[in-house]
Amino acid sequence: MDLAGLLEEHGDHLLRLCTLYLGDRSQAEDAVQDTFLRALRAWPGFRGDCAVETWLVRIAINVCKRQLRSPWRLLRAPQESLDSLRMEGRTTPWYGPYRPSRQNTGK
């Protein structure tokens, strides 16, 4: 199996499918990545009864359904509510593991 070839050939189609299914681009990217990981693991058992694209689409749909049922999806805050939490006067959001404005005093 040529994973790079499969990704090149079917990646965009699966990304569009997952984006439509989930309604969120970043979750769709995670779903496509999970789809290819599952396909890689299941490749030895692929019998070839259907086209590879059909098989990948079925895996992607199952991954999306699993994500939609996940309790973690219910806990995810909408972007609008996160935007309202930004600090006043801050132009760029902080994403790092430490706050660059604090000094490390070693205490």
Protein backbone atom coordinates (compact mmCIF):
# COMPACT_ATOMS: atom_id res chain seq x y z
CA MET A 1 0.00 0.00 0.00
CA ASP A 2 1.29 3.43 -0.95
CA LEU A 3 -0.03 5.68 1.83
CA ALA A 4 1.32 8.85 0.22
CA GLY A 5 -0.43 7.96 -3.03
CA LEU A 6 -3.71 7.24 -1.25
CA LEU A 7 -3.47 10.51 0.64
CA GLU A 8 -2.74 12.42 -2.55
CA GLU A 9 -5.54 10.74 -4.46
CA HIS A 10 -8.29 10.64 -1.82
CA GLY A 11 -7.28 13.16 0.86
CA ASP A 12 -9.17 16.17 -0.52
CA HIS A 13 -12.33 14.18 -1.10
CA LEU A 14 -12.25 12.76 2.42
CA LEU A 15 -11.55 16.19 3.90
CA ARG A 16 -14.58 17.67 2.12
CA LEU A 17 -16.74 14.75 3.23
CA CYS A 18 -15.64 15.02 6.87
CA THR A 19 -16.04 18.82 6.86
CA LEU A 20 -19.62 18.46 5.62
CA TYR A 21 -20.33 15.74 8.15
CA LEU A 22 -18.79 17.50 11.17
CA GLY A 23 -19.22 21.16 10.27
CA ASP A 24 -15.75 22.07 11.52
CA ARG A 25 -12.53 22.11 9.48
CA SER A 26 -10.15 21.26 12.34
CA GLN A 27 -12.28 18.32 13.48
CA ALA A 28 -12.51 17.17 9.86
CA GLU A 29 -8.71 17.22 9.57
CA ASP A 30 -8.49 15.06 12.71
CA ALA A 31 -11.10 12.70 11.25
CA VAL A 32 -9.19 12.32 7.97
CA GLN A 33 -5.97 11.61 9.86
CA ASP A 34 -7.78 9.00 11.96
CA THR A 35 -9.30 7.54 8.79
CA PHE A 36 -5.90 6.98 7.21
CA LEU A 37 -4.48 5.52 10.42
CA ARG A 38 -7.37 3.07 10.63
CA ALA A 39 -7.02 2.21 6.94
CA LEU A 40 -3.30 1.57 7.39
CA ARG A 41 -3.98 -0.78 10.30
CA ALA A 42 -6.80 -2.57 8.44
CA TRP A 43 -5.04 -2.79 5.07
CA PRO A 44 -3.98 -6.46 5.46
CA GLY A 45 -7.64 -7.40 5.91
CA PHE A 46 -8.86 -5.41 2.89
CA ARG A 47 -10.26 -8.03 0.50
CA GLY A 48 -10.80 -5.79 -2.49
CA ASP A 49 -14.52 -6.48 -2.75
CA CYS A 50 -15.04 -2.76 -3.37
CA ALA A 51 -12.96 0.16 -4.61
CA VAL A 52 -10.36 1.56 -2.23
CA GLU A 53 -12.15 4.93 -2.31
CA THR A 54 -15.44 3.32 -1.23
CA TRP A 55 -13.64 1.58 1.63
CA LEU A 56 -11.95 4.83 2.75
CA VAL A 57 -15.24 6.75 2.58
CA ARG A 58 -16.92 4.13 4.77
CA ILE A 59 -14.10 4.37 7.32
CA ALA A 60 -14.30 8.19 7.25
CA ILE A 61 -18.06 8.17 7.82
CA ASN A 62 -17.67 5.80 10.76
CA VAL A 63 -14.94 8.03 12.24
CA CYS A 64 -17.18 11.10 11.85
CA LYS A 65 -20.11 9.32 13.49
CA ARG A 66 -17.88 8.32 16.38
CA GLN A 67 -16.73 11.93 16.78
CA LEU A 68 -20.32 13.20 16.74
CA ARG A 69 -21.27 10.73 19.49
CA SER A 70 -18.24 11.58 21.60
CA PRO A 71 -18.94 13.26 24.93
CA TRP A 72 -15.87 15.43 24.33
CA ARG A 73 -17.68 17.12 21.46
CA LEU A 74 -20.35 18.31 23.89
CA LEU A 75 -17.69 19.85 26.15
CA ARG A 76 -16.07 21.85 23.36
CA ALA A 77 -16.63 25.59 23.72
CA PRO A 78 -17.76 27.50 20.62
CA GLN A 79 -15.19 29.88 19.14
CA GLU A 80 -17.41 32.91 19.85
CA SER A 81 -17.33 32.28 23.59
CA LEU A 82 -13.57 31.81 23.51
CA ASP A 83 -13.11 35.08 21.64
CA SER A 84 -14.97 36.92 24.40
CA LEU A 85 -12.40 35.72 26.95
CA ARG A 86 -9.46 37.54 25.37
CA MET A 87 -7.61 39.96 27.59
CA GLU A 88 -8.16 43.65 26.96
CA GLY A 89 -5.33 45.36 25.08
CA ARG A 90 -3.79 42.08 23.92
CA THR A 91 -3.38 41.93 20.15
CA THR A 92 -2.26 38.33 19.80
CA PRO A 93 -3.55 35.34 21.75
CA TRP A 94 -1.23 33.41 24.04
CA TYR A 95 -0.77 29.76 23.05
CA GLY A 96 2.47 28.72 24.73
CA PRO A 97 3.18 26.46 27.70
CA TYR A 98 4.33 29.48 29.74
CA ARG A 99 3.36 33.11 29.87
CA PRO A 100 6.06 35.19 28.17
CA SER A 101 5.14 38.27 30.24
CA ARG A 102 6.06 36.58 33.53
CA GLN A 103 9.64 36.43 34.75
CA ASN A 104 10.95 33.09 35.98
CA THR A 105 12.44 33.95 39.38
CA GLY A 106 13.38 30.37 40.23
CA LYS A 107 11.44 30.40 43.49
